[in-house]
Amino acid sequence: MSSRELAKNLIDQIPESKMYYIIAYLQGAAVPDETPNAETLEAMQELENGGGEIFDGSAHDFLKMMLED
């Protein structure tokens, strides 16, 4: 039996009341691993070297600022 088949069989044994937790975990595990692109790596390096800009505010304020530019 493959690991995938075993996981599917185990899911059938989990009570419905606990499925929310299993689904949340599976959704996180299903996200593919992605390597940051060159632009992201450059921005991270800039912050590590004391440069760049860190926004300290709400998402609403950030979007408002971005749309004003």
N, C-alpha and C. Protein backbone atom coordinates (compact mmCIF):
# COMPACT_ATOMS: atom_id res chain seq x y z
N MET A 1 0.85 -1.17 0.00
CA MET A 1 0.00 0.00 0.00
C MET A 1 0.90 1.24 0.00
N SER A 2 0.59 2.17 -0.88
CA SER A 2 1.37 3.40 -0.95
C SER A 2 1.02 4.33 0.21
N SER A 3 1.86 5.31 0.43
CA SER A 3 1.60 6.30 1.49
C SER A 3 0.31 7.05 1.22
N ARG A 4 0.06 7.36 -0.04
CA ARG A 4 -1.17 8.07 -0.42
C ARG A 4 -2.40 7.22 -0.10
N GLU A 5 -2.34 5.94 -0.42
CA GLU A 5 -3.47 5.04 -0.12
C GLU A 5 -3.68 4.91 1.38
N LEU A 6 -2.60 4.81 2.13
CA LEU A 6 -2.70 4.72 3.58
C LEU A 6 -3.36 5.98 4.15
N ALA A 7 -2.93 7.15 3.65
CA ALA A 7 -3.51 8.42 4.12
C ALA A 7 -5.01 8.47 3.83
N LYS A 8 -5.40 8.04 2.64
CA LYS A 8 -6.82 8.05 2.28
C LYS A 8 -7.61 7.10 3.18
N ASN A 9 -7.05 5.95 3.49
CA ASN A 9 -7.73 5.01 4.39
C ASN A 9 -7.85 5.58 5.80
N LEU A 10 -6.82 6.26 6.27
CA LEU A 10 -6.87 6.85 7.60
C LEU A 10 -7.89 7.97 7.67
N ILE A 11 -8.02 8.75 6.61
CA ILE A 11 -9.00 9.83 6.59
C ILE A 11 -10.41 9.28 6.80
N ASP A 12 -10.67 8.12 6.24
CA ASP A 12 -12.00 7.51 6.41
C ASP A 12 -12.28 7.15 7.87
N GLN A 13 -11.25 7.02 8.68
CA GLN A 13 -11.42 6.65 10.09
C GLN A 13 -11.52 7.85 11.02
N ILE A 14 -11.30 9.04 10.49
CA ILE A 14 -11.31 10.26 11.33
C ILE A 14 -12.75 10.72 11.52
N PRO A 15 -13.15 11.03 12.75
CA PRO A 15 -14.51 11.52 12.99
C PRO A 15 -14.73 12.87 12.30
N GLU A 16 -15.93 13.10 11.86
CA GLU A 16 -16.28 14.34 11.17
C GLU A 16 -15.94 15.57 12.01
N SER A 17 -16.04 15.45 13.32
CA SER A 17 -15.76 16.59 14.19
C SER A 17 -14.30 17.03 14.15
N LYS A 18 -13.41 16.16 13.69
CA LYS A 18 -11.99 16.50 13.60
C LYS A 18 -11.53 16.80 12.17
N MET A 19 -12.41 16.67 11.21
CA MET A 19 -12.02 16.86 9.81
C MET A 19 -11.56 18.27 9.51
N TYR A 20 -12.09 19.26 10.22
CA TYR A 20 -11.67 20.65 10.01
C TYR A 20 -10.16 20.77 10.17
N TYR A 21 -9.62 20.16 11.20
CA TYR A 21 -8.18 20.25 11.47
C TYR A 21 -7.37 19.52 10.39
N ILE A 22 -7.87 18.40 9.95
CA ILE A 22 -7.18 17.62 8.92
C ILE A 22 -7.18 18.39 7.60
N ILE A 23 -8.31 18.98 7.26
CA ILE A 23 -8.41 19.74 6.01
C ILE A 23 -7.46 20.93 6.05
N ALA A 24 -7.41 21.64 7.16
CA ALA A 24 -6.50 22.79 7.27
C ALA A 24 -5.06 22.34 7.09
N TYR A 25 -4.69 21.24 7.70
CA TYR A 25 -3.33 20.72 7.57
C TYR A 25 -3.03 20.32 6.13
N LEU A 26 -3.96 19.62 5.50
CA LEU A 26 -3.75 19.18 4.13
C LEU A 26 -3.65 20.35 3.17
N GLN A 27 -4.43 21.40 3.40
CA GLN A 27 -4.34 22.58 2.54
C GLN A 27 -2.95 23.21 2.65
N GLY A 28 -2.40 23.26 3.84
CA GLY A 28 -1.06 23.80 4.01
C GLY A 28 -0.01 22.92 3.35
N ALA A 29 -0.17 21.62 3.46
CA ALA A 29 0.79 20.69 2.88
C ALA A 29 0.70 20.66 1.36
N ALA A 30 -0.45 21.01 0.81
CA ALA A 30 -0.65 20.94 -0.64
C ALA A 30 -0.05 22.13 -1.38
N VAL A 31 0.37 23.16 -0.66
CA VAL A 31 0.97 24.32 -1.30
C VAL A 31 2.36 23.92 -1.80
N PRO A 32 2.62 24.13 -3.07
CA PRO A 32 3.93 23.72 -3.59
C PRO A 32 5.05 24.58 -3.01
N ASP A 33 6.20 23.95 -2.80
CA ASP A 33 7.38 24.68 -2.35
C ASP A 33 7.86 25.55 -3.50
N GLU A 34 8.01 26.83 -3.24
CA GLU A 34 8.47 27.73 -4.28
C GLU A 34 9.72 28.45 -3.80
N THR A 35 10.66 28.55 -4.69
CA THR A 35 11.88 29.29 -4.41
C THR A 35 11.62 30.75 -4.77
N PRO A 36 11.99 31.68 -3.89
CA PRO A 36 11.78 33.09 -4.20
C PRO A 36 12.52 33.46 -5.49
N ASN A 37 11.92 34.35 -6.28
CA ASN A 37 12.58 34.79 -7.51
C ASN A 37 13.70 35.77 -7.17
N ALA A 38 14.46 36.16 -8.18
CA ALA A 38 15.64 37.01 -7.98
C ALA A 38 15.26 38.34 -7.34
N GLU A 39 14.13 38.92 -7.75
CA GLU A 39 13.71 40.22 -7.20
C GLU A 39 13.41 40.11 -5.71
N THR A 40 12.74 39.04 -5.32
CA THR A 40 12.42 38.83 -3.90
C THR A 40 13.69 38.60 -3.09
N LEU A 41 14.60 37.80 -3.62
CA LEU A 41 15.86 37.55 -2.92
C LEU A 41 16.65 38.85 -2.75
N GLU A 42 16.65 39.69 -3.78
CA GLU A 42 17.35 40.97 -3.71
C GLU A 42 16.73 41.88 -2.64
N ALA A 43 15.40 41.90 -2.58
CA ALA A 43 14.70 42.73 -1.58
C ALA A 43 15.00 42.23 -0.17
N MET A 44 15.03 40.92 0.02
CA MET A 44 15.33 40.36 1.33
C MET A 44 16.76 40.71 1.75
N GLN A 45 17.69 40.63 0.80
CA GLN A 45 19.08 40.97 1.08
C GLN A 45 19.21 42.44 1.45
N GLU A 46 18.46 43.30 0.75
CA GLU A 46 18.48 44.73 1.04
C GLU A 46 18.03 45.01 2.47
N LEU A 47 16.96 44.35 2.90
CA LEU A 47 16.47 44.53 4.27
C LEU A 47 17.49 44.02 5.29
N GLU A 48 18.11 42.89 5.00
CA GLU A 48 19.11 42.33 5.92
C GLU A 48 20.31 43.25 6.07
N ASN A 49 20.60 44.04 5.02
CA ASN A 49 21.73 44.96 5.05
C ASN A 49 21.35 46.34 5.59
N GLY A 50 20.16 46.47 6.15
CA GLY A 50 19.74 47.72 6.76
C GLY A 50 19.08 48.70 5.81
N GLY A 51 18.85 48.31 4.59
CA GLY A 51 18.20 49.19 3.63
C GLY A 51 16.73 48.84 3.50
N GLY A 52 16.14 49.32 2.44
CA GLY A 52 14.75 48.99 2.17
C GLY A 52 13.79 49.78 3.03
N GLU A 53 12.56 49.38 2.97
CA GLU A 53 11.51 50.08 3.69
C GLU A 53 10.56 49.05 4.30
N ILE A 54 10.30 49.20 5.57
CA ILE A 54 9.37 48.31 6.27
C ILE A 54 8.11 49.12 6.58
N PHE A 55 6.97 48.62 6.15
CA PHE A 55 5.71 49.30 6.39
C PHE A 55 5.12 48.81 7.70
N ASP A 56 4.75 49.74 8.54
CA ASP A 56 4.16 49.39 9.83
C ASP A 56 2.76 50.01 9.89
N GLY A 57 1.79 49.29 9.41
CA GLY A 57 0.43 49.79 9.39
C GLY A 57 -0.51 48.68 8.96
N SER A 58 -1.75 49.05 8.71
CA SER A 58 -2.74 48.06 8.32
C SER A 58 -2.63 47.75 6.83
N ALA A 59 -3.21 46.64 6.42
CA ALA A 59 -3.24 46.28 5.00
C ALA A 59 -4.00 47.34 4.22
N HIS A 60 -5.05 47.88 4.80
CA HIS A 60 -5.83 48.93 4.14
C HIS A 60 -4.95 50.15 3.86
N ASP A 61 -4.19 50.57 4.86
CA ASP A 61 -3.30 51.72 4.69
C ASP A 61 -2.21 51.44 3.67
N PHE A 62 -1.70 50.22 3.66
CA PHE A 62 -0.66 49.84 2.71
C PHE A 62 -1.20 49.92 1.28
N LEU A 63 -2.36 49.35 1.05
CA LEU A 63 -2.95 49.38 -0.29
C LEU A 63 -3.25 50.81 -0.72
N LYS A 64 -3.74 51.62 0.21
CA LYS A 64 -4.00 53.02 -0.08
C LYS A 64 -2.72 53.72 -0.51
N MET A 65 -1.62 53.49 0.23
CA MET A 65 -0.34 54.09 -0.11
C MET A 65 0.15 53.62 -1.48
N MET A 66 0.01 52.35 -1.77
CA MET A 66 0.47 51.79 -3.05
C MET A 66 -0.33 52.37 -4.22
N LEU A 67 -1.62 52.57 -4.02
CA LEU A 67 -2.46 53.10 -5.10
C LEU A 67 -2.23 54.58 -5.33
N GLU A 68 -1.72 55.28 -4.34
CA GLU A 68 -1.43 56.70 -4.50
C GLU A 68 -0.19 56.94 -5.35
N ASP A 69 0.71 55.98 -5.35
CA ASP A 69 1.98 56.14 -6.12
C ASP A 69 1.74 56.06 -7.60
